[in-house]
Amino acid sequence: MNDLDAFLRWNSGHLLENRTRGAYAEWLVHRALGLDPGEHRIEWAEVDVTDGVITLEVKSAGYMQAWQQEGPSVISFPIEQRVATAYVFCLLAEQDPELVDPQNLSQWRFWVVPTARLHAERKSIGMQPLIRAYGEGIRVAPLRVV
């Protein structure tokens, strides 16, 4: 009766759910950087990704959610922690509820932003300020930390 795969699908199978999408984004960043994410994710770790002295805080958002919506969500990423070397903002960018698929990597956009470049007084950053300062984002394949 102990079917771990069935439990994992039941518990975490809906990738549009906010908490699951966030963990999935962390996993995508590990994979894109060629890093071993470890055997288990640590829910309340001080940082989400570590590679030597580089540490990353991964934040995810999506225009489409797991629940019924009137229209796409307004995107805002929290930036209060400020412990990591850099933030990786991960956006599931598809806005058509019929087409959104978190497993389709072409629907994701990523921004790698050094923590020191974020305004100290801000608690979050929205899409327009992020795009104005850092461009349209990159796809998962070329994601690198420098």
N, C-alpha and C. Protein backbone atom coordinates (compact mmCIF):
# COMPACT_ATOMS: atom_id res chain seq x y z
N MET A 1 0.81 -1.20 0.00
CA MET A 1 0.00 0.00 0.00
C MET A 1 0.86 1.27 0.00
N ASN A 2 2.16 1.12 0.15
CA ASN A 2 3.05 2.27 0.19
C ASN A 2 3.52 2.60 -1.22
N ASP A 3 2.81 3.46 -1.91
CA ASP A 3 3.11 3.81 -3.29
C ASP A 3 3.57 5.27 -3.34
N LEU A 4 4.88 5.47 -3.21
CA LEU A 4 5.43 6.82 -3.15
C LEU A 4 5.14 7.62 -4.43
N ASP A 5 5.23 7.01 -5.59
CA ASP A 5 4.94 7.72 -6.84
C ASP A 5 3.50 8.24 -6.85
N ALA A 6 2.56 7.42 -6.40
CA ALA A 6 1.16 7.85 -6.35
C ALA A 6 1.00 9.02 -5.38
N PHE A 7 1.67 8.96 -4.23
CA PHE A 7 1.61 10.06 -3.27
C PHE A 7 2.18 11.33 -3.88
N LEU A 8 3.32 11.24 -4.53
CA LEU A 8 3.95 12.43 -5.11
C LEU A 8 3.06 13.06 -6.18
N ARG A 9 2.42 12.23 -7.00
CA ARG A 9 1.48 12.78 -8.00
C ARG A 9 0.30 13.45 -7.31
N TRP A 10 -0.23 12.83 -6.27
CA TRP A 10 -1.36 13.39 -5.53
C TRP A 10 -0.98 14.68 -4.84
N ASN A 11 0.17 14.71 -4.20
CA ASN A 11 0.60 15.85 -3.40
C ASN A 11 1.12 17.00 -4.26
N SER A 12 1.84 16.70 -5.32
CA SER A 12 2.56 17.73 -6.06
C SER A 12 2.34 17.68 -7.56
N GLY A 13 1.34 16.98 -8.01
CA GLY A 13 1.15 16.77 -9.44
C GLY A 13 0.62 17.96 -10.21
N HIS A 14 0.02 18.92 -9.54
CA HIS A 14 -0.57 20.07 -10.23
C HIS A 14 0.44 21.21 -10.23
N LEU A 15 1.20 21.32 -11.31
CA LEU A 15 2.30 22.28 -11.37
C LEU A 15 1.85 23.74 -11.45
N LEU A 16 0.56 24.00 -11.67
CA LEU A 16 0.08 25.39 -11.65
C LEU A 16 -0.17 25.89 -10.23
N GLU A 17 -0.30 24.96 -9.28
CA GLU A 17 -0.51 25.37 -7.89
C GLU A 17 0.72 26.12 -7.41
N ASN A 18 0.53 27.26 -6.76
CA ASN A 18 1.64 28.17 -6.42
C ASN A 18 2.81 27.49 -5.72
N ARG A 19 2.54 26.74 -4.68
CA ARG A 19 3.61 26.12 -3.90
C ARG A 19 4.37 25.10 -4.75
N THR A 20 3.65 24.33 -5.54
CA THR A 20 4.28 23.33 -6.39
C THR A 20 5.06 23.99 -7.51
N ARG A 21 4.48 25.04 -8.13
CA ARG A 21 5.18 25.75 -9.20
C ARG A 21 6.49 26.32 -8.68
N GLY A 22 6.50 26.84 -7.45
CA GLY A 22 7.72 27.39 -6.87
C GLY A 22 8.81 26.33 -6.71
N ALA A 23 8.43 25.16 -6.21
CA ALA A 23 9.40 24.07 -6.06
C ALA A 23 9.89 23.60 -7.43
N TYR A 24 8.97 23.54 -8.41
CA TYR A 24 9.33 23.15 -9.77
C TYR A 24 10.32 24.14 -10.37
N ALA A 25 10.10 25.44 -10.14
CA ALA A 25 11.02 26.47 -10.63
C ALA A 25 12.41 26.29 -10.02
N GLU A 26 12.47 25.99 -8.74
CA GLU A 26 13.77 25.74 -8.10
C GLU A 26 14.47 24.55 -8.77
N TRP A 27 13.71 23.50 -9.02
CA TRP A 27 14.26 22.31 -9.67
C TRP A 27 14.75 22.65 -11.08
N LEU A 28 13.97 23.46 -11.83
CA LEU A 28 14.39 23.88 -13.18
C LEU A 28 15.70 24.66 -13.14
N VAL A 29 15.85 25.54 -12.16
CA VAL A 29 17.08 26.33 -12.04
C VAL A 29 18.26 25.41 -11.74
N HIS A 30 18.10 24.47 -10.81
CA HIS A 30 19.17 23.50 -10.54
C HIS A 30 19.57 22.79 -11.83
N ARG A 31 18.57 22.28 -12.55
CA ARG A 31 18.85 21.53 -13.79
C ARG A 31 19.51 22.40 -14.84
N ALA A 32 19.02 23.64 -15.01
CA ALA A 32 19.57 24.54 -16.03
C ALA A 32 21.03 24.87 -15.74
N LEU A 33 21.38 24.92 -14.47
CA LEU A 33 22.76 25.25 -14.09
C LEU A 33 23.64 24.01 -13.98
N GLY A 34 23.05 22.83 -14.23
CA GLY A 34 23.82 21.61 -14.16
C GLY A 34 24.19 21.21 -12.73
N LEU A 35 23.37 21.65 -11.77
CA LEU A 35 23.64 21.36 -10.36
C LEU A 35 22.76 20.23 -9.86
N ASP A 36 23.29 19.45 -8.96
CA ASP A 36 22.52 18.39 -8.33
C ASP A 36 21.63 19.03 -7.27
N PRO A 37 20.30 18.90 -7.39
CA PRO A 37 19.43 19.53 -6.39
C PRO A 37 19.41 18.78 -5.06
N GLY A 38 20.12 17.67 -4.97
CA GLY A 38 20.11 16.88 -3.74
C GLY A 38 18.96 15.90 -3.75
N GLU A 39 18.93 15.06 -2.76
CA GLU A 39 17.90 14.02 -2.70
C GLU A 39 16.53 14.60 -2.36
N HIS A 40 16.51 15.61 -1.50
CA HIS A 40 15.24 16.21 -1.07
C HIS A 40 15.37 17.73 -1.03
N ARG A 41 14.28 18.39 -1.31
CA ARG A 41 14.21 19.85 -1.19
C ARG A 41 14.01 20.20 0.28
N ILE A 42 14.74 21.23 0.74
CA ILE A 42 14.58 21.70 2.10
C ILE A 42 13.68 22.92 2.06
N GLU A 43 12.46 22.77 2.54
CA GLU A 43 11.41 23.79 2.41
C GLU A 43 11.83 25.16 2.92
N TRP A 44 12.43 25.24 4.07
CA TRP A 44 12.75 26.55 4.67
C TRP A 44 14.25 26.83 4.70
N ALA A 45 14.97 26.39 3.69
CA ALA A 45 16.41 26.65 3.61
C ALA A 45 16.65 28.15 3.47
N GLU A 46 17.81 28.60 3.93
CA GLU A 46 18.13 30.03 3.87
C GLU A 46 18.18 30.54 2.43
N VAL A 47 18.68 29.70 1.52
CA VAL A 47 18.69 30.02 0.08
C VAL A 47 18.20 28.79 -0.67
N ASP A 48 17.80 28.99 -1.92
CA ASP A 48 17.22 27.90 -2.70
C ASP A 48 18.24 27.09 -3.49
N VAL A 49 19.31 27.75 -3.95
CA VAL A 49 20.32 27.09 -4.78
C VAL A 49 21.69 27.57 -4.31
N THR A 50 22.61 26.63 -4.17
CA THR A 50 23.98 26.97 -3.78
C THR A 50 24.95 26.31 -4.74
N ASP A 51 25.91 27.10 -5.23
CA ASP A 51 26.98 26.58 -6.08
C ASP A 51 28.26 27.27 -5.64
N GLY A 52 28.97 26.65 -4.72
CA GLY A 52 30.17 27.28 -4.17
C GLY A 52 29.78 28.51 -3.37
N VAL A 53 30.36 29.66 -3.73
CA VAL A 53 30.05 30.90 -3.01
C VAL A 53 28.82 31.61 -3.57
N ILE A 54 28.32 31.13 -4.71
CA ILE A 54 27.13 31.74 -5.31
C ILE A 54 25.89 31.09 -4.70
N THR A 55 24.99 31.94 -4.21
CA THR A 55 23.72 31.45 -3.67
C THR A 55 22.59 32.18 -4.39
N LEU A 56 21.50 31.46 -4.60
CA LEU A 56 20.38 32.01 -5.36
C LEU A 56 19.08 31.87 -4.58
N GLU A 57 18.27 32.90 -4.66
CA GLU A 57 16.89 32.86 -4.17
C GLU A 57 16.02 32.76 -5.42
N VAL A 58 15.22 31.72 -5.52
CA VAL A 58 14.37 31.49 -6.69
C VAL A 58 12.95 31.90 -6.35
N LYS A 59 12.39 32.78 -7.18
CA LYS A 59 11.01 33.23 -7.02
C LYS A 59 10.26 32.91 -8.30
N SER A 60 9.06 32.36 -8.16
CA SER A 60 8.28 32.02 -9.35
C SER A 60 6.92 32.69 -9.32
N ALA A 61 6.39 32.91 -10.50
CA ALA A 61 5.05 33.46 -10.67
C ALA A 61 4.51 32.95 -12.00
N GLY A 62 3.22 33.06 -12.17
CA GLY A 62 2.59 32.66 -13.42
C GLY A 62 1.36 33.50 -13.69
N TYR A 63 1.11 33.77 -14.94
CA TYR A 63 -0.10 34.51 -15.30
C TYR A 63 -1.35 33.67 -15.05
N MET A 64 -1.23 32.36 -15.25
CA MET A 64 -2.36 31.46 -15.03
C MET A 64 -2.16 30.70 -13.73
N GLN A 65 -3.24 30.51 -13.00
CA GLN A 65 -3.21 29.83 -11.70
C GLN A 65 -3.99 28.52 -11.78
N ALA A 66 -3.97 27.79 -10.69
CA ALA A 66 -4.68 26.52 -10.64
C ALA A 66 -6.19 26.72 -10.49
N TRP A 67 -6.62 27.91 -10.13
CA TRP A 67 -8.04 28.18 -9.92
C TRP A 67 -8.61 28.98 -11.09
N GLN A 68 -9.92 29.06 -11.15
CA GLN A 68 -10.62 29.83 -12.19
C GLN A 68 -10.29 31.31 -12.05
N GLN A 69 -9.99 31.97 -13.16
CA GLN A 69 -9.60 33.38 -13.14
C GLN A 69 -10.43 34.18 -14.14
N GLU A 70 -10.58 35.45 -13.85
CA GLU A 70 -11.22 36.37 -14.80
C GLU A 70 -10.25 36.78 -15.90
N GLY A 71 -8.97 36.81 -15.58
CA GLY A 71 -7.93 37.18 -16.53
C GLY A 71 -6.58 36.84 -15.94
N PRO A 72 -5.50 37.12 -16.67
CA PRO A 72 -4.16 36.80 -16.17
C PRO A 72 -3.86 37.52 -14.86
N SER A 73 -3.09 36.87 -14.01
CA SER A 73 -2.68 37.46 -12.74
C SER A 73 -1.70 38.61 -12.96
N VAL A 74 -1.71 39.56 -12.05
CA VAL A 74 -0.71 40.62 -12.02
C VAL A 74 0.54 40.02 -11.37
N ILE A 75 1.68 40.19 -12.01
CA ILE A 75 2.90 39.56 -11.54
C ILE A 75 3.70 40.49 -10.64
N SER A 76 4.10 39.96 -9.49
CA SER A 76 4.96 40.67 -8.55
C SER A 76 5.78 39.63 -7.81
N PHE A 77 7.08 39.85 -7.74
CA PHE A 77 7.97 38.92 -7.06
C PHE A 77 8.43 39.53 -5.73
N PRO A 78 8.33 38.79 -4.62
CA PRO A 78 8.85 39.31 -3.35
C PRO A 78 10.38 39.33 -3.36
N ILE A 79 10.95 40.38 -2.79
CA ILE A 79 12.42 40.50 -2.75
C ILE A 79 12.89 40.95 -1.37
N GLU A 80 12.25 40.46 -0.35
CA GLU A 80 12.57 40.89 1.01
C GLU A 80 13.76 40.16 1.63
N GLN A 81 14.04 38.95 1.22
CA GLN A 81 15.01 38.12 1.93
C GLN A 81 16.43 38.69 1.90
N ARG A 82 16.96 38.99 0.73
CA ARG A 82 18.26 39.63 0.54
C ARG A 82 19.46 38.90 1.12
N VAL A 83 19.38 37.58 1.29
CA VAL A 83 20.49 36.81 1.83
C VAL A 83 21.36 36.26 0.70
N ALA A 84 20.73 35.87 -0.40
CA ALA A 84 21.43 35.22 -1.51
C ALA A 84 22.26 36.22 -2.32
N THR A 85 23.21 35.69 -3.08
CA THR A 85 24.03 36.47 -4.00
C THR A 85 23.16 37.11 -5.09
N ALA A 86 22.19 36.34 -5.56
CA ALA A 86 21.33 36.81 -6.66
C ALA A 86 19.95 36.19 -6.54
N TYR A 87 19.02 36.82 -7.23
CA TYR A 87 17.67 36.28 -7.36
C TYR A 87 17.52 35.71 -8.76
N VAL A 88 16.76 34.64 -8.88
CA VAL A 88 16.33 34.13 -10.18
C VAL A 88 14.81 34.25 -10.17
N PHE A 89 14.29 35.15 -11.01
CA PHE A 89 12.85 35.32 -11.15
C PHE A 89 12.39 34.43 -12.29
N CYS A 90 11.43 33.57 -12.01
CA CYS A 90 10.96 32.57 -12.97
C CYS A 90 9.48 32.86 -13.26
N LEU A 91 9.17 33.11 -14.51
CA LEU A 91 7.80 33.42 -14.90
C LEU A 91 7.27 32.38 -15.86
N LEU A 92 6.17 31.74 -15.49
CA LEU A 92 5.42 30.90 -16.42
C LEU A 92 4.56 31.87 -17.22
N ALA A 93 5.01 32.21 -18.42
CA ALA A 93 4.51 33.38 -19.15
C ALA A 93 3.27 33.14 -20.00
N GLU A 94 2.88 31.91 -20.24
CA GLU A 94 1.69 31.65 -21.07
C GLU A 94 0.46 32.25 -20.42
N GLN A 95 -0.34 32.99 -21.22
CA GLN A 95 -1.53 33.65 -20.70
C GLN A 95 -2.84 33.03 -21.18
N ASP A 96 -2.75 32.01 -22.00
CA ASP A 96 -3.95 31.32 -22.46
C ASP A 96 -4.20 30.12 -21.56
N PRO A 97 -5.32 30.10 -20.81
CA PRO A 97 -5.55 28.99 -19.89
C PRO A 97 -5.65 27.63 -20.58
N GLU A 98 -5.98 27.61 -21.86
CA GLU A 98 -6.07 26.35 -22.59
C GLU A 98 -4.70 25.83 -23.02
N LEU A 99 -3.71 26.71 -23.07
CA LEU A 99 -2.39 26.33 -23.56
C LEU A 99 -1.33 26.22 -22.47
N VAL A 100 -1.59 26.80 -21.31
CA VAL A 100 -0.56 26.84 -20.26
C VAL A 100 -0.15 25.43 -19.86
N ASP A 101 1.16 25.20 -19.84
CA ASP A 101 1.73 23.89 -19.51
C ASP A 101 3.09 24.11 -18.86
N PRO A 102 3.18 24.03 -17.53
CA PRO A 102 4.46 24.27 -16.86
C PRO A 102 5.59 23.37 -17.32
N GLN A 103 5.27 22.21 -17.88
CA GLN A 103 6.32 21.31 -18.37
C GLN A 103 6.87 21.73 -19.73
N ASN A 104 6.20 22.67 -20.40
CA ASN A 104 6.68 23.19 -21.68
C ASN A 104 7.67 24.32 -21.37
N LEU A 105 8.95 24.03 -21.45
CA LEU A 105 9.97 24.99 -21.04
C LEU A 105 9.97 26.26 -21.88
N SER A 106 9.41 26.21 -23.08
CA SER A 106 9.36 27.43 -23.90
C SER A 106 8.40 28.46 -23.32
N GLN A 107 7.55 28.06 -22.37
CA GLN A 107 6.60 28.99 -21.75
C GLN A 107 7.21 29.74 -20.56
N TRP A 108 8.41 29.38 -20.17
CA TRP A 108 9.06 30.01 -19.02
C TRP A 108 10.03 31.10 -19.46
N ARG A 109 10.15 32.15 -18.64
CA ARG A 109 11.16 33.20 -18.80
C ARG A 109 11.87 33.35 -17.46
N PHE A 110 13.18 33.66 -17.52
CA PHE A 110 14.00 33.76 -16.32
C PHE A 110 14.81 35.04 -16.35
N TRP A 111 14.97 35.62 -15.18
CA TRP A 111 15.83 36.79 -14.99
C TRP A 111 16.76 36.47 -13.83
N VAL A 112 18.07 36.62 -14.04
CA VAL A 112 19.05 36.45 -12.96
C VAL A 112 19.52 37.85 -12.60
N VAL A 113 19.25 38.26 -11.36
CA VAL A 113 19.53 39.62 -10.94
C VAL A 113 20.35 39.60 -9.65
N PRO A 114 21.56 40.18 -9.67
CA PRO A 114 22.33 40.26 -8.43
C PRO A 114 21.52 41.00 -7.36
N THR A 115 21.53 40.46 -6.16
CA THR A 115 20.76 41.06 -5.07
C THR A 115 21.16 42.52 -4.85
N ALA A 116 22.43 42.83 -4.98
CA ALA A 116 22.91 44.21 -4.77
C ALA A 116 22.30 45.20 -5.76
N ARG A 117 21.79 44.74 -6.89
CA ARG A 117 21.21 45.64 -7.89
C ARG A 117 19.72 45.92 -7.65
N LEU A 118 19.13 45.24 -6.67
CA LEU A 118 17.72 45.48 -6.35
C LEU A 118 17.62 46.62 -5.34
N HIS A 119 16.65 47.49 -5.53
CA HIS A 119 16.47 48.63 -4.63
C HIS A 119 16.22 48.14 -3.20
N ALA A 120 17.04 48.60 -2.28
CA ALA A 120 16.99 48.13 -0.89
C ALA A 120 15.66 48.40 -0.21
N GLU A 121 14.98 49.48 -0.58
CA GLU A 121 13.73 49.84 0.09
C GLU A 121 12.52 49.07 -0.44
N ARG A 122 12.66 48.40 -1.56
CA ARG A 122 11.54 47.66 -2.15
C ARG A 122 11.34 46.31 -1.48
N LYS A 123 10.07 45.92 -1.36
CA LYS A 123 9.72 44.60 -0.82
C LYS A 123 9.32 43.65 -1.94
N SER A 124 9.08 44.20 -3.15
CA SER A 124 8.71 43.37 -4.30
C SER A 124 9.09 44.11 -5.58
N ILE A 125 9.08 43.36 -6.68
CA ILE A 125 9.32 43.96 -7.99
C ILE A 125 8.29 43.38 -8.96
N GLY A 126 7.62 44.27 -9.70
CA GLY A 126 6.62 43.87 -10.68
C GLY A 126 7.26 43.63 -12.03
N MET A 127 6.45 43.18 -12.96
CA MET A 127 6.95 42.83 -14.30
C MET A 127 7.51 44.03 -15.05
N GLN A 128 6.82 45.14 -15.06
CA GLN A 128 7.31 46.28 -15.84
C GLN A 128 8.65 46.81 -15.33
N PRO A 129 8.82 47.01 -14.02
CA PRO A 129 10.16 47.42 -13.55
C PRO A 129 11.23 46.37 -13.85
N LEU A 130 10.87 45.09 -13.74
CA LEU A 130 11.83 44.02 -14.03
C LEU A 130 12.25 44.04 -15.50
N ILE A 131 11.28 44.17 -16.40
CA ILE A 131 11.58 44.21 -17.84
C ILE A 131 12.37 45.47 -18.19
N ARG A 132 11.97 46.63 -17.65
CA ARG A 132 12.70 47.87 -17.94
C ARG A 132 14.16 47.77 -17.52
N ALA A 133 14.42 47.18 -16.36
CA ALA A 133 15.77 47.11 -15.84
C ALA A 133 16.60 45.95 -16.41
N TYR A 134 15.94 44.83 -16.74
CA TYR A 134 16.70 43.62 -17.05
C TYR A 134 16.28 42.91 -18.33
N GLY A 135 15.40 43.52 -19.11
CA GLY A 135 15.03 42.93 -20.39
C GLY A 135 13.87 41.95 -20.30
N GLU A 136 13.64 41.26 -21.39
CA GLU A 136 12.48 40.37 -21.54
C GLU A 136 12.65 39.00 -20.89
N GLY A 137 13.79 38.74 -20.31
CA GLY A 137 14.02 37.43 -19.71
C GLY A 137 14.63 36.47 -20.71
N ILE A 138 15.16 35.38 -20.19
CA ILE A 138 15.80 34.38 -21.04
C ILE A 138 15.08 33.06 -20.88
N ARG A 139 15.30 32.18 -21.82
CA ARG A 139 14.75 30.83 -21.73
C ARG A 139 15.66 29.99 -20.86
N VAL A 140 15.20 28.82 -20.48
CA VAL A 140 15.92 27.98 -19.53
C VAL A 140 17.27 27.50 -20.06
N ALA A 141 17.39 27.21 -21.35
CA ALA A 141 18.62 26.63 -21.88
C ALA A 141 19.85 27.48 -21.63
N PRO A 142 19.84 28.82 -21.85
CA PRO A 142 21.07 29.57 -21.64
C PRO A 142 21.24 30.12 -20.21
N LEU A 143 20.40 29.71 -19.27
CA LEU A 143 20.47 30.25 -17.92
C LEU A 143 21.82 29.95 -17.28
N ARG A 144 22.55 30.99 -16.94
CA ARG A 144 23.86 30.85 -16.30
C ARG A 144 24.02 31.94 -15.25
N VAL A 145 24.78 31.67 -14.23
CA VAL A 145 25.10 32.65 -13.19
C VAL A 145 26.53 33.09 -13.43
N VAL A 146 26.74 34.40 -13.47
CA VAL A 146 28.09 34.93 -13.67
C VAL A 146 28.43 35.93 -12.59
